Amino acid sequence: MGGFFGITSTKDCLLDVFFGTDYHSHLGTARGGLAAYDPEIGLQRKIHSITNAPFRTKFETIFDEMSGIAAIGCISDTDPQPMLIRSNHGTYAICTIGIINNAEALIDQYLSFSHGHFDAMTGGRVNTVELVAALIDQKSSFAEGIRFAQSVIDGTCSILILKENGHLIAARDKVGRIPVIIGKNDDGYSVTFESFASLKLGYEMARELGPGEIVELSPEDGIRQLNPPGKEMKMCAFLWSYYGYPTSNYEGINVEAMRYRNGEIMAEHDREAGNAPDLDYVSGVPDSGTPHAIGYANKSSFPFARPYIKYTPTWSRSFTPQKQSDRAKVARMKQVPIHELIEGKKLLFVDDSIVRGTQLKETVDFLYSNGAKEVHMRSACPPIMYGCKYLNFSRSTNDLELITRRTILELEGTEGFNHIDEYSDGTTERGKALRKSICDKFGFASLEFQSLGGVIKSIGLPPDQLCTYCWNGKE
């Protein structure tokens, strides 16, 4: 994934862009970057690795090195950015969010007629942000170039550009899988992925860009639309379920409130289906599972508790180390039990999702080793059956890394992949077999998944406006 934040203003705004970018740190762990425009200095840029250190620690001295009345920042889970580009459009800084599945084909096509070149990274790979810039620069204007780039990209690409006159150009991906939100104050405009980042910095929400919409922002000219929004929207439903920040709103729907509703729907379904176990406590797999669990507890009337606490002052994110064995070790070290809430207790945990299941298995073993009597598990979303090809949030390189796919293969071989819908449905024989097999693997006393209809109901948008590919494989 990744996230970006930008401001165009009549005043120096680098400090606000620093904070606004830092508010997107939950969306990526590879690179952080800032670019700024100062009327006397021009465009400036800094990029740092944030693999093992937070964004703010790498950029806390940036105010001695850069300044500007306009700036953009990004958190990237892939390539270094923003990039500074000099082209027929002048000099500009650019950052993107998304994934380009056909990058190699686009690179080969560009090189075949341009006789140009790309700056290659280790292994010969090309920075996808530079590729996007090359696509944009084939056309005579930014708007035409962005439309062209988004039309040929297989995947998702939202774009933020800082021009050499201090104006910003913001473009939401062509079907609006991720948000781009415009804020306004007396001095100028902000662009953000996470709505709360602008609000915390004193900006009022002006509007959310529509799918494929492109705007140019400046304090002098306000919001100038360069391309109108398209009619089709396929916003990522997982945005609310997992990776969106709790305090943000997307399409007017708050993330935390959606998660409460989602938990309530799961509890109601358990009761109606006769699956509700007798419990001592309901808890969330911290942190993103916690609000779903609060909703479940409120509806089920079982008390909410935190049987273990994550120790995060020094290891805020367990996936920061590069090796899986190191990540697993960090995850174990972060889990600090509260024995009075575990020993002899029947516990139900709600996780935001079950993807590969590696750390979840270790968490359940940890609970039993500390005296839990029963550990029931609920997933706040349906079984993930397809690796995401639009945002790559699941970090799975192929579908067989998914616990659901591996289990189906063990139960029925490849023939089982012809019956994905049945395995997703907990009321069918195949669906029951999937859940029982995962319970046996992980030691769950019971396992249920939220239904697709339940997730959609908790979000509140029409089904045709949501991307649910990871759950049902539908484009």
Protein backbone atom coordinates (compact mmCIF):
# COMPACT_ATOMS: atom_id res chain seq x y z
CA MET A 1 0.00 0.00 0.00
CA GLY A 2 1.20 3.48 0.86
CA GLY A 3 -0.19 6.94 1.44
CA PHE A 4 0.47 10.56 0.52
CA PHE A 5 -0.16 14.04 1.87
CA GLY A 6 0.40 17.48 0.36
CA ILE A 7 -0.22 21.19 0.90
CA THR A 8 -0.13 24.27 -1.32
CA SER A 9 -0.19 27.45 0.75
CA THR A 10 0.71 31.11 1.07
CA LYS A 11 2.91 30.24 4.07
CA ASP A 12 5.71 27.80 4.79
CA CYS A 13 3.97 24.45 5.19
CA LEU A 14 6.78 21.91 5.58
CA LEU A 15 6.04 21.26 9.26
CA ASP A 16 2.39 20.49 8.50
CA VAL A 17 3.34 18.21 5.62
CA PHE A 18 5.79 16.44 7.94
CA PHE A 19 2.98 15.72 10.42
CA GLY A 20 0.46 14.93 7.70
CA THR A 21 2.78 12.41 6.09
CA ASP A 22 3.66 10.86 9.44
CA TYR A 23 -0.07 10.25 9.98
CA HIS A 24 0.13 7.78 7.06
CA SER A 25 2.88 5.66 8.60
CA HIS A 26 0.51 2.70 9.18
CA LEU A 27 0.23 2.27 5.40
CA GLY A 28 3.83 1.34 4.60
CA THR A 29 7.20 0.32 5.97
CA ALA A 30 9.70 0.70 3.12
CA ARG A 31 10.39 4.34 2.25
CA GLY A 32 9.37 7.81 3.36
CA GLY A 33 9.90 10.95 1.35
CA LEU A 34 9.26 14.68 1.21
CA ALA A 35 9.46 17.21 -1.62
CA ALA A 36 9.00 20.96 -1.23
CA TYR A 37 8.82 24.07 -3.38
CA ASP A 38 10.33 27.39 -2.27
CA PRO A 39 10.12 30.42 -4.61
CA GLU A 40 13.83 31.17 -4.11
CA ILE A 41 15.26 27.64 -3.90
CA GLY A 42 12.93 25.80 -6.23
CA LEU A 43 12.09 22.11 -5.78
CA GLN A 44 13.84 20.04 -3.12
CA ARG A 45 13.53 16.39 -2.11
CA LYS A 46 14.58 13.93 0.59
CA ILE A 47 13.96 10.16 0.80
CA HIS A 48 14.84 7.80 3.65
CA SER A 49 14.41 4.11 4.38
CA ILE A 50 11.85 3.57 7.17
CA THR A 51 12.25 -0.21 7.26
CA ASN A 52 13.43 -0.27 10.86
CA ALA A 53 12.67 3.24 12.09
CA PRO A 54 9.58 5.46 12.07
CA PHE A 55 9.18 8.21 9.49
CA ARG A 56 9.41 11.00 12.05
CA THR A 57 12.83 9.88 13.36
CA LYS A 58 14.33 9.99 9.86
CA PHE A 59 12.92 13.41 9.00
CA GLU A 60 13.05 15.31 12.30
CA THR A 61 16.00 17.43 11.06
CA ILE A 62 14.42 18.16 7.68
CA PHE A 63 13.56 21.75 8.67
CA ASP A 64 17.28 22.61 8.64
CA GLU A 65 17.55 21.30 5.08
CA MET A 66 14.29 22.20 3.29
CA SER A 67 11.54 24.81 3.27
CA GLY A 68 8.57 25.62 1.10
CA ILE A 69 5.13 27.14 0.62
CA ALA A 70 4.09 23.90 -1.05
CA ALA A 71 5.15 20.34 -0.27
CA ILE A 72 4.18 16.71 -0.71
CA GLY A 73 5.13 13.66 1.35
CA CYS A 74 4.58 9.96 1.02
CA ILE A 75 4.88 6.69 2.85
CA SER A 76 5.75 3.93 0.40
CA ASP A 77 5.64 0.18 0.82
CA THR A 78 7.62 -0.30 -2.37
CA ASP A 79 9.78 2.14 -4.30
CA PRO A 80 11.57 5.33 -3.14
CA GLN A 81 9.50 8.46 -3.73
CA PRO A 82 8.69 11.30 -4.38
CA MET A 83 10.78 11.54 -7.52
CA LEU A 84 11.95 14.79 -9.13
CA ILE A 85 11.30 14.77 -12.86
CA ARG A 86 12.41 17.20 -15.57
CA SER A 87 10.41 16.83 -18.77
CA ASN A 88 8.35 18.66 -21.39
CA HIS A 89 6.05 19.62 -18.48
CA GLY A 90 8.90 21.35 -16.66
CA THR A 91 10.34 20.12 -13.38
CA TYR A 92 7.98 18.51 -10.90
CA ALA A 93 7.84 16.12 -7.94
CA ILE A 94 5.57 13.09 -8.11
CA CYS A 95 4.41 10.29 -5.83
CA THR A 96 1.88 7.53 -6.39
CA ILE A 97 -0.18 4.96 -4.49
CA GLY A 98 -1.15 1.59 -5.89
CA ILE A 99 0.27 -1.28 -7.89
CA ILE A 100 1.14 -1.70 -11.58
CA ASN A 101 0.78 -5.32 -12.64
CA ASN A 102 1.90 -4.74 -16.23
CA ALA A 103 4.94 -2.59 -15.40
CA GLU A 104 7.42 -4.68 -17.44
CA ALA A 105 5.23 -4.58 -20.53
CA LEU A 106 4.81 -0.81 -20.23
CA ILE A 107 8.56 -0.34 -19.79
CA ASP A 108 9.35 -2.46 -22.86
CA GLN A 109 6.75 -0.61 -24.90
CA TYR A 110 8.13 2.79 -23.88
CA LEU A 111 11.73 1.85 -24.63
CA SER A 112 10.76 0.38 -28.01
CA PHE A 113 9.76 3.75 -29.46
CA SER A 114 11.41 6.38 -27.24
CA HIS A 115 15.04 5.22 -27.52
CA GLY A 116 15.28 6.60 -23.98
CA HIS A 117 16.21 4.97 -20.72
CA PHE A 118 15.21 4.50 -17.08
CA ASP A 119 17.32 4.73 -13.97
CA ALA A 120 17.55 1.04 -12.98
CA MET A 121 17.55 -0.14 -9.38
CA THR A 122 19.19 -3.30 -8.04
CA GLY A 123 18.35 -6.25 -10.28
CA GLY A 124 17.43 -3.97 -13.17
CA ARG A 125 13.98 -3.09 -11.79
CA VAL A 126 12.54 0.32 -12.62
CA ASN A 127 10.97 2.58 -10.01
CA THR A 128 7.25 2.49 -10.83
CA VAL A 129 6.93 6.19 -10.01
CA GLU A 130 9.42 6.99 -12.77
CA LEU A 131 7.41 4.75 -15.09
CA VAL A 132 4.22 6.68 -14.28
CA ALA A 133 6.04 9.95 -14.96
CA ALA A 134 7.28 8.61 -18.31
CA LEU A 135 3.71 7.71 -19.26
CA ILE A 136 2.42 11.15 -18.25
CA ASP A 137 5.18 12.92 -20.17
CA GLN A 138 4.13 11.31 -23.46
CA LYS A 139 1.19 13.71 -23.62
CA SER A 140 1.02 17.49 -23.95
CA SER A 141 -0.55 18.27 -20.56
CA PHE A 142 -0.59 16.79 -17.08
CA ALA A 143 -4.31 16.04 -17.29
CA GLU A 144 -4.00 14.28 -20.64
CA GLY A 145 -0.90 12.42 -19.45
CA ILE A 146 -2.52 11.23 -16.22
CA ARG A 147 -5.61 10.04 -18.12
CA PHE A 148 -3.34 8.14 -20.52
CA ALA A 149 -1.28 6.60 -17.72
CA GLN A 150 -4.33 5.41 -15.84
CA SER A 151 -5.86 3.99 -19.02
CA VAL A 152 -2.88 1.74 -19.79
CA ILE A 153 -2.01 0.71 -16.22
CA ASP A 154 -3.33 -2.69 -15.13
CA GLY A 155 -3.83 -2.17 -11.41
CA THR A 156 -4.37 0.97 -9.36
CA CYS A 157 -2.65 4.35 -9.47
CA SER A 158 -3.51 7.51 -7.55
CA ILE A 159 -1.12 10.39 -8.23
CA LEU A 160 0.06 13.53 -6.41
CA ILE A 161 2.24 16.06 -8.27
CA LEU A 162 4.00 19.19 -7.00
CA LYS A 163 4.66 21.59 -9.86
CA GLU A 164 7.55 24.05 -10.03
CA ASN A 165 5.12 26.95 -9.41
CA GLY A 166 3.91 25.46 -6.12
CA HIS A 167 0.59 24.16 -7.45
CA LEU A 168 -0.55 20.61 -6.66
CA ILE A 169 -2.20 18.17 -9.04
CA ALA A 170 -4.13 15.34 -7.41
CA ALA A 171 -5.63 12.39 -9.27
CA ARG A 172 -7.70 9.58 -7.78
CA ASP A 173 -7.33 6.13 -9.38
CA LYS A 174 -9.72 5.49 -12.23
CA VAL A 175 -12.28 3.45 -10.26
CA GLY A 176 -11.68 5.04 -6.86
CA ARG A 177 -10.32 2.01 -5.00
CA ILE A 178 -8.57 4.33 -2.56
CA PRO A 179 -9.55 7.81 -1.34
CA VAL A 180 -8.10 11.19 -2.27
CA ILE A 181 -9.50 13.94 -0.04
CA ILE A 182 -9.14 17.71 -0.45
CA GLY A 183 -9.01 20.01 2.59
CA LYS A 184 -9.13 23.80 2.79
CA ASN A 185 -8.10 26.55 5.21
CA ASP A 186 -7.52 30.30 4.92
CA ASP A 187 -4.01 29.83 3.52
CA GLY A 188 -4.51 27.08 0.96
CA TYR A 189 -5.36 23.44 0.32
CA SER A 190 -4.36 19.99 1.47
CA VAL A 191 -4.48 16.59 -0.26
CA THR A 192 -4.62 13.44 1.82
CA PHE A 193 -5.41 9.73 1.84
CA GLU A 194 -6.43 9.74 5.52
CA SER A 195 -9.09 12.38 6.22
CA PHE A 196 -8.10 12.91 9.86
CA ALA A 197 -4.60 14.05 8.83
CA SER A 198 -6.01 17.22 7.26
CA LEU A 199 -8.52 17.80 10.05
CA LYS A 200 -5.83 17.59 12.75
CA LEU A 201 -3.83 20.25 10.91
CA GLY A 202 -6.72 22.71 10.80
CA TYR A 203 -8.13 22.00 7.36
CA GLU A 204 -11.84 21.64 6.73
CA MET A 205 -12.90 18.98 4.28
CA ALA A 206 -13.61 20.57 0.91
CA ARG A 207 -14.50 17.39 -0.90
CA GLU A 208 -13.48 13.89 -1.81
CA LEU A 209 -12.37 13.33 -5.37
CA GLY A 210 -14.49 11.00 -7.47
CA PRO A 211 -13.10 8.00 -9.38
CA GLY A 212 -10.61 9.17 -11.99
CA GLU A 213 -11.09 12.83 -11.09
CA ILE A 214 -8.10 15.16 -11.53
CA VAL A 215 -7.80 18.60 -9.94
CA GLU A 216 -5.18 21.34 -9.73
CA LEU A 217 -4.91 23.22 -6.42
CA SER A 218 -3.42 26.60 -5.59
CA PRO A 219 -4.16 29.33 -3.02
CA GLU A 220 -4.75 31.81 -5.85
CA ASP A 221 -7.01 29.79 -8.12
CA GLY A 222 -8.61 27.38 -5.65
CA ILE A 223 -9.73 23.97 -6.89
CA ARG A 224 -9.63 23.71 -10.69
CA GLN A 225 -11.03 20.51 -12.15
CA LEU A 226 -8.90 19.04 -14.95
CA ASN A 227 -10.89 15.85 -15.43
CA PRO A 228 -14.39 15.04 -14.17
CA PRO A 229 -15.09 11.94 -12.09
CA GLY A 230 -16.14 8.71 -13.79
CA LYS A 231 -19.38 6.93 -13.06
CA GLU A 232 -17.93 3.59 -11.92
CA MET A 233 -16.54 3.23 -8.37
CA LYS A 234 -15.00 0.09 -6.87
CA MET A 235 -13.71 1.26 -3.50
CA CYS A 236 -11.71 -1.30 -1.53
CA ALA A 237 -13.98 -2.76 1.18
CA PHE A 238 -10.90 -3.94 3.10
CA LEU A 239 -10.08 -0.27 3.64
CA TRP A 240 -12.73 -0.16 6.37
CA SER A 241 -12.14 -3.69 7.64
CA TYR A 242 -8.41 -3.45 8.19
CA TYR A 243 -5.88 -0.99 6.85
CA GLY A 244 -7.78 2.30 7.07
CA TYR A 245 -7.08 4.35 10.20
CA PRO A 246 -9.93 4.30 12.79
CA THR A 247 -10.38 8.08 12.88
CA SER A 248 -10.76 8.48 9.12
CA ASN A 249 -13.89 8.81 7.01
CA TYR A 250 -14.12 7.54 3.44
CA GLU A 251 -17.16 8.41 1.34
CA GLY A 252 -18.61 9.84 4.56
CA ILE A 253 -18.33 6.53 6.46
CA ASN A 254 -16.16 6.39 9.59
CA VAL A 255 -13.81 3.42 9.93
CA GLU A 256 -14.21 2.85 13.67
CA ALA A 257 -18.01 3.09 13.54
CA MET A 258 -18.07 0.60 10.64
CA ARG A 259 -16.01 -1.86 12.69
CA TYR A 260 -18.41 -1.62 15.64
CA ARG A 261 -21.33 -2.32 13.30
CA ASN A 262 -19.41 -5.19 11.74
CA GLY A 263 -18.82 -6.83 15.14
CA GLU A 264 -22.47 -6.39 16.07
CA ILE A 265 -23.56 -8.13 12.86
CA MET A 266 -21.22 -11.06 13.58
CA ALA A 267 -22.58 -11.47 17.10
CA GLU A 268 -26.15 -11.32 15.85
CA HIS A 269 -25.39 -13.94 13.20
CA ASP A 270 -23.77 -16.25 15.77
CA ARG A 271 -26.86 -16.01 17.94
CA GLU A 272 -29.28 -16.63 15.07
CA ALA A 273 -27.24 -19.58 13.74
CA GLY A 274 -26.85 -21.15 17.18
CA ASN A 275 -23.07 -20.69 17.04
CA ALA A 276 -22.77 -18.38 20.04
CA PRO A 277 -20.48 -20.02 22.62
CA ASP A 278 -20.64 -19.52 26.38
CA LEU A 279 -17.82 -17.09 27.12
CA ASP A 280 -15.97 -15.31 29.87
CA TYR A 281 -14.60 -12.55 27.66
CA VAL A 282 -14.63 -11.18 24.13
CA SER A 283 -11.37 -9.66 22.93
CA GLY A 284 -9.77 -8.35 19.76
CA VAL A 285 -6.52 -9.42 18.17
CA PRO A 286 -4.84 -6.03 18.61
CA ASP A 287 -4.96 -3.57 17.22
CA SER A 288 -7.25 -3.62 14.20
CA GLY A 289 -9.41 -6.48 15.49
CA THR A 290 -10.26 -4.61 18.69
CA PRO A 291 -13.11 -2.37 17.42
CA HIS A 292 -14.78 -5.35 15.73
CA ALA A 293 -14.54 -7.16 19.08
CA ILE A 294 -16.06 -4.20 20.94
CA GLY A 295 -19.04 -4.33 18.59
CA TYR A 296 -19.34 -8.09 19.09
CA ALA A 297 -19.17 -7.75 22.89
CA ASN A 298 -21.73 -4.95 22.98
CA LYS A 299 -24.21 -7.01 20.97
CA SER A 300 -23.56 -10.36 22.65
CA SER A 301 -23.55 -8.94 26.22
CA PHE A 302 -20.36 -10.81 27.05
CA PRO A 303 -17.79 -8.49 28.65
CA PHE A 304 -14.96 -7.09 26.59
CA ALA A 305 -11.45 -7.62 28.00
CA ARG A 306 -7.81 -7.49 26.93
CA PRO A 307 -6.21 -10.77 28.05
CA TYR A 308 -2.88 -9.70 26.63
CA ILE A 309 -1.32 -6.36 25.74
CA LYS A 310 1.05 -5.60 22.91
CA TYR A 311 4.26 -3.96 24.05
CA THR A 312 4.83 -1.36 21.33
CA PRO A 313 7.12 1.45 22.56
CA THR A 314 10.09 0.00 20.66
CA TRP A 315 8.46 -2.41 18.19
CA SER A 316 5.36 -0.66 16.91
CA ARG A 317 4.82 -3.01 13.96
CA SER A 318 5.63 -6.70 14.11
CA PHE A 319 6.25 -7.03 10.34
CA THR A 320 9.08 -4.49 10.31
CA PRO A 321 11.98 -7.02 10.27
CA GLN A 322 12.74 -8.46 6.84
CA LYS A 323 12.93 -12.14 7.84
CA GLN A 324 9.71 -14.01 8.67
CA SER A 325 11.46 -15.74 11.59
CA ASP A 326 12.45 -12.35 13.01
CA ARG A 327 8.93 -10.98 12.54
CA ALA A 328 7.51 -14.00 14.38
CA LYS A 329 10.00 -13.53 17.21
CA VAL A 330 9.10 -9.86 17.57
CA ALA A 331 5.40 -10.76 17.58
CA ARG A 332 5.95 -13.22 20.44
CA MET A 333 8.01 -10.76 22.43
CA LYS A 334 5.30 -8.09 22.09
CA GLN A 335 2.54 -10.27 23.60
CA VAL A 336 2.45 -9.71 27.36
CA PRO A 337 -0.24 -11.81 29.12
CA ILE A 338 -2.59 -10.82 31.92
CA HIS A 339 -2.98 -14.17 33.68
CA GLU A 340 -6.08 -13.19 35.63
CA LEU A 341 -7.91 -12.73 32.32
CA ILE A 342 -6.60 -15.87 30.62
CA GLU A 343 -6.18 -18.73 33.07
CA GLY A 344 -9.21 -21.02 33.05
CA LYS A 345 -11.20 -18.64 30.84
CA LYS A 346 -13.30 -19.21 27.73
CA LEU A 347 -12.18 -16.52 25.31
CA LEU A 348 -13.47 -15.35 21.93
CA PHE A 349 -11.10 -13.30 19.82
CA VAL A 350 -12.03 -11.25 16.77
CA ASP A 351 -9.30 -10.65 14.18
CA ASP A 352 -9.65 -8.23 11.30
CA SER A 353 -8.90 -11.07 8.85
CA ILE A 354 -7.18 -14.41 8.54
CA VAL A 355 -4.69 -14.31 5.68
CA ARG A 356 -1.79 -16.72 6.07
CA GLY A 357 -2.41 -17.49 9.72
CA THR A 358 1.24 -17.73 10.79
CA GLN A 359 1.13 -15.27 13.67
CA LEU A 360 -2.43 -16.19 14.63
CA LYS A 361 -1.38 -19.78 15.30
CA GLU A 362 1.39 -18.52 17.56
CA THR A 363 -1.06 -16.24 19.37
CA VAL A 364 -3.44 -19.14 20.08
CA ASP A 365 -0.58 -21.32 21.32
CA PHE A 366 0.50 -18.43 23.54
CA LEU A 367 -3.00 -18.19 25.04
CA TYR A 368 -3.26 -21.91 25.74
CA SER A 369 0.22 -21.96 27.23
CA ASN A 370 -0.96 -19.27 29.65
CA GLY A 371 -3.91 -21.34 30.81
CA ALA A 372 -6.83 -20.45 28.50
CA LYS A 373 -9.62 -23.05 28.69
CA GLU A 374 -11.09 -22.32 25.24
CA VAL A 375 -10.08 -20.01 22.42
CA HIS A 376 -12.81 -19.22 19.88
CA MET A 377 -11.97 -17.19 16.78
CA ARG A 378 -14.01 -14.88 14.58
CA SER A 379 -12.77 -13.20 11.41
CA ALA A 380 -14.19 -9.74 10.78
CA CYS A 381 -14.25 -10.39 7.04
CA PRO A 382 -15.11 -13.36 4.80
CA PRO A 383 -12.49 -16.00 3.96
CA ILE A 384 -9.79 -14.40 1.81
CA MET A 385 -9.68 -16.58 -1.30
CA TYR A 386 -7.76 -14.40 -3.76
CA GLY A 387 -4.56 -12.43 -3.36
CA CYS A 388 -5.23 -8.72 -3.98
CA LYS A 389 -4.10 -7.64 -7.44
CA TYR A 390 -5.18 -4.03 -7.10
CA LEU A 391 -3.47 -2.84 -3.90
CA ASN A 392 -1.46 -5.86 -2.75
CA PHE A 393 -2.51 -5.32 0.88
CA SER A 394 -2.33 -9.03 1.79
CA ARG A 395 1.41 -9.34 1.02
CA SER A 396 0.74 -12.76 -0.53
CA THR A 397 2.77 -13.48 -3.65
CA ASN A 398 0.41 -16.26 -4.74
CA ASP A 399 -2.97 -17.62 -3.71
CA LEU A 400 -1.52 -20.77 -2.11
CA GLU A 401 0.03 -18.61 0.61
CA LEU A 402 -3.53 -18.03 1.82
CA ILE A 403 -4.60 -20.40 4.61
CA THR A 404 -7.98 -20.89 2.95
CA ARG A 405 -6.48 -22.00 -0.37
CA ARG A 406 -4.00 -24.34 1.28
CA THR A 407 -6.77 -25.91 3.33
CA ILE A 408 -9.00 -26.40 0.29
CA LEU A 409 -6.10 -28.05 -1.54
CA GLU A 410 -5.60 -30.45 1.38
CA LEU A 411 -9.31 -31.25 1.59
CA GLU A 412 -10.13 -31.75 -2.08
CA GLY A 413 -7.13 -31.06 -4.27
CA THR A 414 -7.36 -28.60 -7.13
CA GLU A 415 -10.96 -29.64 -7.78
CA GLY A 416 -11.85 -27.69 -4.65
CA PHE A 417 -10.91 -24.44 -6.38
CA ASN A 418 -13.98 -24.91 -8.58
CA HIS A 419 -16.15 -24.59 -5.47
CA ILE A 420 -14.76 -21.42 -3.85
CA ASP A 421 -18.23 -19.99 -3.24
CA GLU A 422 -19.26 -23.07 -1.27
CA TYR A 423 -16.11 -23.02 0.85
CA SER A 424 -16.73 -19.35 1.64
CA ASP A 425 -20.26 -20.10 2.85
CA GLY A 426 -20.27 -21.50 6.38
CA THR A 427 -23.69 -23.12 5.90
CA THR A 428 -22.54 -25.57 3.19
CA GLU A 429 -20.80 -28.90 3.77
CA ARG A 430 -17.64 -27.60 2.13
CA GLY A 431 -17.80 -24.41 4.18
CA LYS A 432 -18.14 -26.39 7.40
CA ALA A 433 -15.24 -28.64 6.40
CA LEU A 434 -13.01 -25.61 5.76
CA ARG A 435 -13.76 -24.15 9.18
CA LYS A 436 -13.29 -27.47 11.00
CA SER A 437 -9.96 -28.09 9.27
CA ILE A 438 -8.64 -24.63 10.21
CA CYS A 439 -9.89 -25.14 13.78
CA ASP A 440 -7.95 -28.40 13.95
CA LYS A 441 -4.79 -26.76 12.60
CA PHE A 442 -4.91 -23.78 14.96
CA GLY A 443 -6.55 -25.25 18.04
CA PHE A 444 -9.64 -23.05 17.87
CA ALA A 445 -12.66 -24.18 19.86
CA SER A 446 -14.75 -22.68 17.04
CA LEU A 447 -14.25 -20.50 13.97
CA GLU A 448 -16.63 -18.31 12.00
CA PHE A 449 -16.11 -15.69 9.30
CA GLN A 450 -18.15 -12.59 8.67
CA SER A 451 -20.32 -12.97 5.58
CA LEU A 452 -19.83 -10.82 2.50
CA GLY A 453 -23.31 -9.42 3.00
CA GLY A 454 -22.44 -8.57 6.61
CA VAL A 455 -19.36 -6.56 5.60
CA ILE A 456 -21.25 -4.69 2.91
CA LYS A 457 -24.10 -3.94 5.34
CA SER A 458 -21.67 -2.59 7.94
CA ILE A 459 -20.05 -0.26 5.39
CA GLY A 460 -23.35 0.98 4.03
CA LEU A 461 -22.39 1.63 0.40
CA PRO A 462 -24.14 -0.10 -2.51
CA PRO A 463 -22.44 -3.44 -3.34
CA ASP A 464 -21.61 -2.34 -6.88
CA GLN A 465 -19.51 0.54 -5.48
CA LEU A 466 -17.21 -1.77 -3.49
CA CYS A 467 -14.28 -3.93 -4.56
CA THR A 468 -14.60 -7.36 -2.91
CA TYR A 469 -12.17 -9.21 -5.20
CA CYS A 470 -10.13 -10.75 -2.37
CA TRP A 471 -13.24 -12.51 -1.06
CA ASN A 472 -15.21 -13.50 -4.16
CA GLY A 473 -12.81 -12.98 -7.07
CA LYS A 474 -15.19 -10.63 -8.85
CA GLU A 475 -13.67 -7.76 -10.79
